[in-house]
């Protein structure tokens, strides 16, 4: 592929500030360990300028009609698709996700903008019948104000697209801090928005020290909404910061997704599909299925097939069309998986496949299964965020539900059964913001996405995703 990694920039008040103008940090290719480029870090004055630009941009953008805002977002969607090959190449270079998968991510990112463009036109209020003749009672939706957004490295296009499209579609301006480990993808989406006619200052893109940037953005009285995707610990810290000024927030935090597999299914069929779901993006997805609770009557058959399929999974160069799984994103993930597998071995847990690093170049890890896992082991309690699956047998419905709900996380959950009554019951019983029964997809542009418990609050995507960036106003007139 004849692509080159771009010169990375900040986007502040319509100005592009390059790495040569600011200190920065290296962006590393996880497949090789080589440096791709350097991302500039915003100074405190850059952040203040971005906030000021967003404040002024909000007063302009909020007055643009939803129809015209929709035109801009649809043109941006077209621009994202026009950059499909390059954007997919950037994501694969920065994240290590196989190129075939990142190309699909580009389409999803474009659909985010199309959905917000259409839904912004349908931001209907209502008229409440008055008690007195001649009176009017109106309920209207209006944009909440300038937004501070934070997105992680593991979904370098979809997560920024979800936040940008929702905020802009609602009429808000935004300052977004994408990950310093995967910055180019978000910048290319920003480029598509600029080319689509988004006014300068409505969108600002900054990078730098996460703690310093969050303190300054979330602590600003001019920022009226915070949307964050990342770890539970950081999310709780940001929520505490935002609470001081009563900011609206959406927090999409960590997960540890359970999968309940009942004894009436074909275990080999479910296991085959489960491998693809588990190993997508090397398991580095907040909704990745991880804790497999399998009915005792089929548990061993499920494990045998899962291991067989996972052993055949091709791990390697993410640009190779034959590759099914690339590397982990960084050395921190390698260290975490090493610690989890060592802990499982200490407890005597069976590891029929995996548990080791692959080679010494890049950050590759074997698909790993902890079979009949001890619920005390580290991986059963801390999100692995990697290609590691745990299996545990269960005997009764109530036992499976209790095991699934025992952790303080509730982002995604899955269940498989052929019995309609069980399907209804398990969907109600699982404490998760997103439950998929008999399939593996928990998020689409038109559906709300958010968590329960320590997995966060609020939703992005769907009608709710637009409303997250809006506030209700009641107007009565006599």
Protein backbone atom coordinates (compact mmCIF):
# COMPACT_ATOMS: atom_id res chain seq x y z
CA UNK A 1 0.00 0.00 0.00
CA UNK A 2 1.46 3.30 -1.07
CA UNK A 3 0.58 5.37 2.01
CA UNK A 4 2.75 7.47 4.29
CA UNK A 5 2.09 8.41 7.87
CA UNK A 6 1.03 12.08 8.11
CA UNK A 7 2.57 14.96 10.00
CA UNK A 8 0.41 15.16 13.11
CA UNK A 9 -1.14 18.42 14.27
CA UNK A 10 -3.33 20.07 16.84
CA UNK A 11 -6.46 21.80 15.56
CA UNK A 12 -7.14 24.88 17.66
CA UNK A 13 -9.49 27.68 16.59
CA UNK A 14 -9.07 26.66 12.96
CA UNK A 15 -5.25 26.71 13.20
CA UNK A 16 -3.11 23.64 12.52
CA UNK A 17 -0.19 23.40 14.96
CA UNK A 18 2.44 20.85 13.99
CA UNK A 19 4.82 18.69 15.99
CA UNK A 20 7.68 21.04 15.19
CA UNK A 21 5.93 23.83 17.07
CA UNK A 22 5.22 21.89 20.27
CA UNK A 23 6.90 19.15 22.33
CA UNK A 24 5.33 15.78 21.78
CA UNK A 25 5.46 12.00 22.10
CA UNK A 26 6.11 9.11 19.76
CA UNK A 27 3.37 7.12 18.04
CA UNK A 28 4.46 3.48 17.86
CA UNK A 29 3.48 0.79 15.38
CA UNK A 30 2.41 -2.16 17.60
CA UNK A 31 3.22 -4.68 14.88
CA UNK A 32 6.89 -3.72 14.74
CA UNK A 33 7.67 -1.44 17.65
CA UNK A 34 8.85 1.19 15.16
CA UNK A 35 8.02 4.88 15.58
CA UNK A 36 5.41 6.11 13.10
CA UNK A 37 5.59 9.79 13.95
CA UNK A 38 5.30 12.31 16.73
CA UNK A 39 2.13 13.83 18.09
CA UNK A 40 2.34 17.43 19.41
CA UNK A 41 1.16 18.18 22.94
CA UNK A 42 -1.05 21.18 23.59
CA UNK A 43 0.20 23.84 25.95
CA UNK A 44 -2.05 25.38 28.63
CA UNK A 45 -2.52 28.41 26.37
CA UNK A 46 -3.51 26.10 23.49
CA UNK A 47 -6.18 24.54 25.69
CA UNK A 48 -7.47 27.94 26.77
CA UNK A 49 -7.63 29.01 23.12
CA UNK A 50 -9.47 25.81 22.20
CA UNK A 51 -12.04 26.41 24.95
CA UNK A 52 -12.50 30.02 23.85
CA UNK A 53 -12.88 28.94 20.21
CA UNK A 54 -15.46 26.31 21.18
CA UNK A 55 -17.37 28.89 23.21
CA UNK A 56 -17.53 31.27 20.26
CA UNK A 57 -18.13 28.42 17.83
CA UNK A 58 -21.09 27.23 19.87
CA UNK A 59 -22.86 30.58 19.51
CA UNK A 60 -22.45 30.28 15.74
CA UNK A 61 -23.18 26.56 15.28
CA UNK A 62 -26.23 26.43 17.55
CA UNK A 63 -27.94 28.95 15.25
CA UNK A 64 -27.30 26.90 12.11
CA UNK A 65 -30.50 25.09 11.19
CA UNK A 66 -30.64 21.32 11.76
CA UNK A 67 -31.13 20.90 8.01
CA UNK A 68 -27.90 22.72 7.20
CA UNK A 69 -26.03 21.02 10.03
CA UNK A 70 -27.21 17.73 8.54
CA UNK A 71 -25.81 18.69 5.15
CA UNK A 72 -22.40 19.31 6.69
CA UNK A 73 -22.46 15.98 8.51
CA UNK A 74 -23.52 14.08 5.40
CA UNK A 75 -20.73 15.68 3.41
CA UNK A 76 -18.35 14.64 6.18
CA UNK A 77 -19.64 11.06 5.90
CA UNK A 78 -18.95 11.16 2.18
CA UNK A 79 -15.47 12.53 2.92
CA UNK A 80 -14.76 9.73 5.36
CA UNK A 81 -15.74 7.14 2.77
CA UNK A 82 -13.60 8.90 0.15
CA UNK A 83 -10.65 8.47 2.54
CA UNK A 84 -11.55 4.85 3.33
CA UNK A 85 -8.32 3.17 2.24
CA UNK A 86 -6.09 5.71 3.91
CA UNK A 87 -8.11 5.87 7.12
CA UNK A 88 -8.15 2.07 7.38
CA UNK A 89 -4.38 2.01 6.75
CA UNK A 90 -3.85 4.54 9.53
CA UNK A 91 -5.91 2.56 12.02
CA UNK A 92 -4.15 -0.68 11.19
CA UNK A 93 -0.78 1.05 11.51
CA UNK A 94 -1.63 2.62 14.86
CA UNK A 95 -3.76 -0.12 16.45
CA UNK A 96 -2.58 -3.33 14.80
CA UNK A 97 -6.15 -4.25 13.91
CA UNK A 98 -6.39 -6.29 10.68
CA UNK A 99 -6.93 -4.14 7.62
CA UNK A 100 -10.14 -5.91 6.59
CA UNK A 101 -11.64 -4.99 9.97
CA UNK A 102 -10.52 -1.36 9.91
CA UNK A 103 -12.12 -0.92 6.50
CA UNK A 104 -15.42 -1.98 8.08
CA UNK A 105 -14.79 0.48 10.91
CA UNK A 106 -14.58 3.30 8.36
CA UNK A 107 -18.08 2.50 7.12
CA UNK A 108 -19.45 2.45 10.66
CA UNK A 109 -17.82 5.82 11.39
CA UNK A 110 -19.42 7.30 8.28
CA UNK A 111 -22.81 5.89 9.27
CA UNK A 112 -22.50 7.63 12.65
CA UNK A 113 -22.47 10.99 10.90
CA UNK A 114 -25.32 10.05 8.58
CA UNK A 115 -27.48 8.97 11.52
CA UNK A 116 -26.80 12.19 13.43
CA UNK A 117 -27.49 14.25 10.31
CA UNK A 118 -30.93 12.72 9.93
CA UNK A 119 -31.80 12.53 13.61
CA UNK A 120 -30.92 16.19 14.15
CA UNK A 121 -33.84 17.09 11.88
CA UNK A 122 -36.17 15.09 14.11
CA UNK A 123 -35.30 16.68 17.41
CA UNK A 124 -38.95 17.28 18.11
CA UNK A 125 -40.33 19.01 21.17
CA UNK A 126 -44.00 18.98 22.07
CA UNK A 127 -46.95 21.24 22.80
CA UNK A 128 -48.73 20.66 26.11
CA UNK A 129 -52.45 21.59 26.09
CA UNK A 130 -52.88 24.69 28.27
CA UNK A 131 -55.26 25.10 31.17
CA UNK A 132 -56.17 28.66 30.20
CA UNK A 133 -57.48 29.90 26.80
CA UNK A 134 -54.80 31.63 24.76
CA UNK A 135 -51.89 30.20 26.74
CA UNK A 136 -49.05 28.22 25.17
CA UNK A 137 -46.94 25.52 26.79
CA UNK A 138 -43.93 24.34 24.80
CA UNK A 139 -41.17 21.83 25.48
CA UNK A 140 -38.10 22.22 23.28
CA UNK A 141 -34.71 20.57 22.94
CA UNK A 142 -31.68 22.83 22.63
CA UNK A 143 -27.91 22.11 22.50
CA UNK A 144 -26.31 21.93 25.92
CA UNK A 145 -23.17 23.93 25.07
CA UNK A 146 -19.45 23.38 24.38
CA UNK A 147 -18.43 19.74 24.89
CA UNK A 148 -15.18 18.19 26.11
CA UNK A 149 -14.69 14.71 24.64
CA UNK A 150 -12.14 12.01 25.43
CA UNK A 151 -11.70 8.84 23.36
CA UNK A 152 -9.35 5.87 23.72
CA UNK A 153 -6.90 4.09 21.45
CA UNK A 154 -8.80 0.86 20.88
CA UNK A 155 -11.47 2.23 18.53
CA UNK A 156 -9.64 5.01 16.79
CA UNK A 157 -12.39 6.00 14.31
CA UNK A 158 -15.73 4.75 15.66
CA UNK A 159 -15.48 6.27 19.13
CA UNK A 160 -14.45 9.77 17.97
CA UNK A 161 -17.08 9.58 15.22
CA UNK A 162 -19.80 8.68 17.72
CA UNK A 163 -18.90 11.63 19.96
CA UNK A 164 -18.33 14.16 17.19
CA UNK A 165 -21.47 13.27 15.25
CA UNK A 166 -23.72 13.35 18.31
CA UNK A 167 -22.39 16.66 19.60
CA UNK A 168 -22.33 18.39 16.22
CA UNK A 169 -25.70 16.99 15.21
CA UNK A 170 -27.22 18.41 18.39
CA UNK A 171 -25.75 21.85 17.68
CA UNK A 172 -22.84 21.76 20.12
CA UNK A 173 -19.23 22.74 19.61
CA UNK A 174 -16.55 20.35 20.83
CA UNK A 175 -12.98 20.03 22.04
CA UNK A 176 -11.88 16.42 21.64
CA UNK A 177 -8.80 14.71 22.99
CA UNK A 178 -8.29 11.45 21.12
CA UNK A 179 -5.62 9.01 22.24
CA UNK A 180 -2.00 9.99 21.77
CA UNK A 181 -1.35 6.36 20.77
CA UNK A 182 -3.75 6.47 17.79
CA UNK A 183 -4.08 10.15 16.83
CA UNK A 184 -4.06 10.18 13.03
CA UNK A 185 -7.46 8.56 12.55
CA UNK A 186 -9.31 11.24 14.52
CA UNK A 187 -7.39 13.96 12.72
CA UNK A 188 -8.44 12.55 9.35
CA UNK A 189 -12.09 12.65 10.48
CA UNK A 190 -11.55 16.26 11.55
CA UNK A 191 -10.14 16.96 8.10
CA UNK A 192 -13.29 15.51 6.52
CA UNK A 193 -15.43 17.80 8.70
CA UNK A 194 -13.37 20.85 7.78
CA UNK A 195 -13.68 19.99 4.08
CA UNK A 196 -17.43 19.52 4.57
CA UNK A 197 -17.79 23.14 5.66
CA UNK A 198 -17.77 22.95 9.45
CA UNK A 199 -16.96 26.49 10.66
CA UNK A 200 -13.57 27.06 12.26
CA UNK A 201 -13.57 26.78 16.04
CA UNK A 202 -16.62 24.52 16.24
CA UNK A 203 -14.26 21.52 16.37
CA UNK A 204 -10.92 21.58 18.19
CA UNK A 205 -8.56 18.58 18.47
CA UNK A 206 -5.90 18.49 21.17
CA UNK A 207 -3.36 16.00 22.47
CA UNK A 208 -1.05 15.89 25.46
CA UNK A 209 -0.83 14.81 29.06
CA UNK A 210 -4.27 13.25 29.77
CA UNK A 211 -4.40 14.38 33.41
CA UNK A 212 -3.45 17.97 32.62
CA UNK A 213 -5.85 18.23 29.69
CA UNK A 214 -8.78 16.74 31.60
CA UNK A 215 -8.17 19.04 34.56
CA UNK A 216 -8.22 22.09 32.34
CA UNK A 217 -11.13 21.10 30.08
CA UNK A 218 -13.40 19.55 32.68
CA UNK A 219 -12.56 22.28 35.17
CA UNK A 220 -13.54 25.07 32.77
CA UNK A 221 -16.85 26.80 33.45
CA UNK A 222 -17.25 27.28 29.68
CA UNK A 223 -17.41 23.53 29.04
CA UNK A 224 -20.97 22.35 29.71
CA UNK A 225 -20.81 18.66 28.83
CA UNK A 226 -18.21 15.89 29.16
CA UNK A 227 -18.20 12.63 27.22
CA UNK A 228 -15.54 10.09 28.10
CA UNK A 229 -14.65 6.59 26.92
CA UNK A 230 -12.00 4.83 28.94
CA UNK A 231 -11.21 3.13 32.21
CA UNK A 232 -13.50 3.13 35.22
CA UNK A 233 -10.84 4.69 37.45
CA UNK A 234 -10.28 7.67 35.16
CA UNK A 235 -14.01 8.02 34.52
CA UNK A 236 -14.72 8.30 38.23
CA UNK A 237 -12.04 10.97 38.54
CA UNK A 238 -13.49 12.99 35.67
CA UNK A 239 -17.01 12.61 37.07
CA UNK A 240 -15.81 14.06 40.37
CA UNK A 241 -14.18 16.97 38.53
CA UNK A 242 -17.29 17.68 36.49
CA UNK A 243 -19.59 17.47 39.48
CA UNK A 244 -18.02 20.62 40.91
CA UNK A 245 -19.62 22.66 38.15
CA UNK A 246 -22.65 20.38 37.63
CA UNK A 247 -21.66 19.39 34.11
CA UNK A 248 -23.75 17.00 32.04
CA UNK A 249 -21.79 13.80 31.41
CA UNK A 250 -21.73 10.55 29.49
CA UNK A 251 -19.30 7.97 30.85
CA UNK A 252 -18.63 4.82 28.81
CA UNK A 253 -16.26 2.90 31.05
CA UNK A 254 -14.73 -0.54 31.37
CA UNK A 255 -16.50 -3.85 31.11
CA UNK A 256 -15.97 -7.56 31.69
CA UNK A 257 -18.64 -9.09 29.50
CA UNK A 258 -20.24 -12.37 30.55
CA UNK A 259 -21.60 -14.92 28.07
CA UNK A 260 -24.24 -17.36 29.29
CA UNK A 261 -24.50 -20.46 27.10
CA UNK A 262 -27.40 -22.76 27.91
CA UNK A 263 -27.42 -26.50 27.35
CA UNK A 264 -29.96 -26.45 24.52
CA UNK A 265 -27.59 -24.97 21.92
CA UNK A 266 -25.04 -26.58 19.63
CA UNK A 267 -21.82 -25.96 21.62
CA UNK A 268 -19.53 -26.41 18.63
CA UNK A 269 -21.46 -23.87 16.58
CA UNK A 270 -21.50 -21.30 19.38
CA UNK A 271 -17.83 -21.88 20.19
CA UNK A 272 -16.80 -21.33 16.58
CA UNK A 273 -18.56 -17.98 16.47
CA UNK A 274 -17.33 -17.12 19.95
CA UNK A 275 -13.69 -17.28 18.88
CA UNK A 276 -14.25 -14.66 16.17
CA UNK A 277 -16.09 -12.43 18.63
CA UNK A 278 -13.48 -12.83 21.35
CA UNK A 279 -10.44 -12.28 19.14
CA UNK A 280 -11.78 -9.26 17.26
CA UNK A 281 -9.29 -6.42 17.66
CA UNK A 282 -7.22 -8.85 19.75
CA UNK A 283 -9.90 -8.72 22.43
CA UNK A 284 -9.22 -5.02 23.02
CA UNK A 285 -12.85 -3.95 23.03
CA UNK A 286 -14.85 -2.88 26.09
CA UNK A 287 -17.69 -5.15 24.96
CA UNK A 288 -15.45 -8.13 24.20
CA UNK A 289 -17.01 -11.42 25.43
CA UNK A 290 -14.70 -12.73 28.13
CA UNK A 291 -16.37 -14.73 30.92
CA UNK A 292 -18.02 -17.77 29.29
CA UNK A 293 -20.49 -19.45 31.63
CA UNK A 294 -21.38 -22.70 29.87
CA UNK A 295 -23.96 -25.22 31.05
CA UNK A 296 -22.21 -28.20 32.60
CA UNK A 297 -23.78 -30.60 30.09
CA UNK A 298 -21.92 -29.02 27.16
CA UNK A 299 -19.02 -27.19 28.84
CA UNK A 300 -16.25 -29.58 27.83
CA UNK A 301 -17.47 -29.79 24.22
CA UNK A 302 -17.56 -26.00 24.04
CA UNK A 303 -14.02 -25.70 25.39
CA UNK A 304 -12.68 -28.37 23.02
CA UNK A 305 -14.11 -26.62 19.97
CA UNK A 306 -13.11 -23.14 21.15
CA UNK A 307 -9.52 -24.30 21.64
CA UNK A 308 -9.48 -26.08 18.27
CA UNK A 309 -10.67 -22.99 16.40
CA UNK A 310 -8.47 -20.58 18.36
CA UNK A 311 -5.41 -22.75 17.67
CA UNK A 312 -6.04 -22.38 13.93
CA UNK A 313 -6.49 -18.61 14.15
CA UNK A 314 -3.85 -16.83 12.10
CA UNK A 315 -1.97 -14.21 14.15
CA UNK A 316 0.48 -11.92 12.40
CA UNK A 317 0.94 -8.94 10.11
CA UNK A 318 -2.38 -7.05 10.16
CA UNK A 319 -1.91 -5.98 6.54
CA UNK A 320 -1.69 -9.59 5.38
CA UNK A 321 -5.11 -10.59 3.97
CA UNK A 322 -4.76 -14.00 5.64
CA UNK A 323 -4.28 -12.54 9.13
CA UNK A 324 -7.20 -12.89 11.54
CA UNK A 325 -5.64 -11.24 14.59
CA UNK A 326 -2.93 -8.64 14.90
CA UNK A 327 -0.84 -7.50 17.86
CA UNK A 328 -1.85 -5.92 21.12
CA UNK A 329 -1.71 -2.14 21.07
CA UNK A 330 1.14 -1.59 23.51
CA UNK A 331 3.54 -3.23 25.92
CA UNK A 332 1.21 -2.49 28.84
CA UNK A 333 -1.28 -5.01 27.49
CA UNK A 334 1.44 -7.64 27.18
CA UNK A 335 2.44 -7.08 30.80
CA UNK A 336 -1.18 -7.30 31.96
CA UNK A 337 -1.79 -10.62 30.18
CA UNK A 338 1.50 -12.03 31.46
CA UNK A 339 0.40 -11.19 35.01
CA UNK A 340 -3.04 -12.74 34.51
CA UNK A 341 -1.79 -16.00 33.08
CA UNK A 342 0.89 -16.29 35.79
CA UNK A 343 -1.81 -15.78 38.42
CA UNK A 344 -4.02 -18.45 36.80
CA UNK A 345 -1.13 -20.93 36.77
CA UNK A 346 -0.48 -20.23 40.45
CA UNK A 347 -4.09 -21.17 41.19
CA UNK A 348 -3.85 -24.35 39.12
CA UNK A 349 -6.18 -23.19 36.34
CA UNK A 350 -5.95 -25.22 33.12
CA UNK A 351 -4.60 -23.26 30.13
CA UNK A 352 -5.17 -25.55 27.13
CA UNK A 353 -4.00 -22.90 24.66
CA UNK A 354 -1.93 -19.74 24.78
CA UNK A 355 -0.53 -17.88 27.74
CA UNK A 356 2.63 -16.70 26.00
CA UNK A 357 3.98 -13.82 23.96
CA UNK A 358 4.65 -14.48 20.27
CA UNK A 359 8.15 -13.48 19.19
CA UNK A 360 10.04 -10.41 20.36
CA UNK A 361 9.16 -7.90 17.65
CA UNK A 362 5.92 -6.03 18.13
CA UNK A 363 3.33 -6.83 20.79
CA UNK A 364 1.86 -10.18 19.74
CA UNK A 365 0.15 -12.52 22.19
CA UNK A 366 -1.27 -16.01 21.74
CA UNK A 367 -5.04 -16.54 21.88
CA UNK A 368 -5.48 -17.82 25.42
CA UNK A 369 -8.12 -19.89 27.22
CA UNK A 370 -8.43 -20.36 30.98
CA UNK A 371 -10.66 -23.45 31.22
CA UNK A 372 -12.68 -24.22 34.34
CA UNK A 373 -11.32 -20.94 35.68
CA UNK A 374 -11.16 -20.24 39.38
CA UNK A 375 -13.39 -17.21 40.06
CA UNK A 376 -10.69 -15.91 42.39
CA UNK A 377 -8.14 -15.54 39.59
CA UNK A 378 -7.11 -12.08 38.45
CA UNK A 379 -8.53 -12.45 34.94
CA UNK A 380 -11.96 -13.34 36.34
CA UNK A 381 -12.12 -10.05 38.21
CA UNK A 382 -10.11 -7.54 36.17
CA UNK A 383 -10.92 -6.91 32.52
CA UNK A 384 -8.20 -8.66 30.47
CA UNK A 385 -8.62 -6.35 27.47
CA UNK A 386 -6.84 -8.87 25.32
CA UNK A 387 -7.29 -12.24 23.56
CA UNK A 388 -8.01 -14.12 26.78
CA UNK A 389 -11.22 -16.05 27.48
CA UNK A 390 -12.33 -17.78 30.68
CA UNK A 391 -14.79 -20.69 30.79
CA UNK A 392 -16.75 -21.83 33.85
CA UNK A 393 -19.53 -24.44 34.03
CA UNK A 394 -22.91 -23.75 35.65
CA UNK A 395 -25.83 -25.94 36.63
CA UNK A 396 -28.87 -23.66 37.01
CA UNK A 397 -30.27 -20.46 35.54
CA UNK A 398 -29.96 -18.64 38.86
CA UNK A 399 -26.37 -19.76 39.27
CA UNK A 400 -25.45 -18.38 35.82
CA UNK A 401 -27.18 -15.06 36.51
CA UNK A 402 -25.48 -14.65 39.88
CA UNK A 403 -22.07 -15.37 38.37
CA UNK A 404 -22.65 -12.99 35.46
CA UNK A 405 -23.80 -10.14 37.70
CA UNK A 406 -21.27 -10.55 40.51
CA UNK A 407 -18.77 -7.99 39.20
CA UNK A 408 -19.35 -4.22 39.45
CA UNK A 409 -19.37 -3.89 35.65
CA UNK A 410 -22.34 -3.80 33.30
CA UNK A 411 -21.46 -2.67 29.79
CA UNK A 412 -22.20 -5.71 27.60
CA UNK A 413 -23.51 -9.23 28.13
CA UNK A 414 -24.39 -12.12 25.82
CA UNK A 415 -26.57 -15.21 26.03
CA UNK A 416 -27.31 -18.19 23.80
CA UNK A 417 -30.38 -20.41 23.98
CA UNK A 418 -33.05 -21.88 21.69
CA UNK A 419 -35.77 -21.50 24.32
CA UNK A 420 -37.79 -18.27 23.92
CA UNK A 421 -38.76 -18.24 27.59
CA UNK A 422 -35.14 -18.50 28.70
CA UNK A 423 -34.15 -15.82 26.17
CA UNK A 424 -36.69 -13.40 27.63
CA UNK A 425 -35.72 -14.22 31.19
CA UNK A 426 -31.97 -13.88 30.70
CA UNK A 427 -32.35 -10.58 28.85
CA UNK A 428 -34.22 -9.22 31.86
CA UNK A 429 -31.86 -10.72 34.45
CA UNK A 430 -28.46 -9.60 33.15
CA UNK A 431 -27.32 -6.31 34.70
CA UNK A 432 -25.87 -4.70 31.61
CA UNK A 433 -26.59 -1.68 29.47
CA UNK A 434 -26.31 -3.76 26.30
CA UNK A 435 -27.51 -7.38 26.07
CA UNK A 436 -27.27 -9.51 22.91
CA UNK A 437 -29.18 -12.80 22.81
CA UNK A 438 -28.06 -15.33 20.19
CA UNK A 439 -25.69 -12.94 18.44
CA UNK A 440 -22.59 -10.83 19.11
CA UNK A 441 -23.46 -7.24 18.13
CA UNK A 442 -24.33 -4.76 20.89
CA UNK A 443 -23.84 -1.43 19.12
CA UNK A 444 -25.10 0.19 15.91
CA UNK A 445 -25.30 3.86 14.94
CA UNK A 446 -29.07 3.84 15.46
CA UNK A 447 -29.02 2.13 18.87
CA UNK A 448 -28.14 3.60 22.29
CA UNK A 449 -24.86 2.49 23.81
CA UNK A 450 -24.04 2.88 27.49
CA UNK A 451 -23.32 1.01 30.67
CA UNK A 452 -24.61 0.28 34.17
CA UNK A 453 -22.86 0.19 37.53
CA UNK A 454 -19.11 0.87 37.23
CA UNK A 455 -19.37 0.70 33.45
CA UNK A 456 -20.72 4.24 33.41
CA UNK A 457 -23.88 6.18 32.78
CA UNK A 458 -25.61 7.95 29.91
CA UNK A 459 -25.81 6.80 26.30
CA UNK A 460 -24.35 7.64 22.94
CA UNK A 461 -25.79 6.51 19.63
CA UNK A 462 -29.43 6.34 18.62
CA UNK A 463 -31.98 9.00 19.56
CA UNK A 464 -30.55 8.97 23.07
CA UNK A 465 -27.11 9.82 21.71
CA UNK A 466 -28.36 13.09 20.30
CA UNK A 467 -30.35 13.90 23.43
CA UNK A 468 -27.22 13.35 25.52
CA UNK A 469 -25.92 16.61 24.04
CA UNK A 470 -29.19 18.50 24.48
CA UNK A 471 -31.17 20.01 27.33
CA UNK A 472 -34.90 20.36 27.75
CA UNK A 473 -36.54 23.77 28.03
CA UNK A 474 -40.14 24.40 29.04
CA UNK A 475 -41.65 27.68 27.81
CA UNK A 476 -45.08 28.84 28.97
CA UNK A 477 -46.73 31.96 27.63
CA UNK A 478 -50.01 33.67 28.46
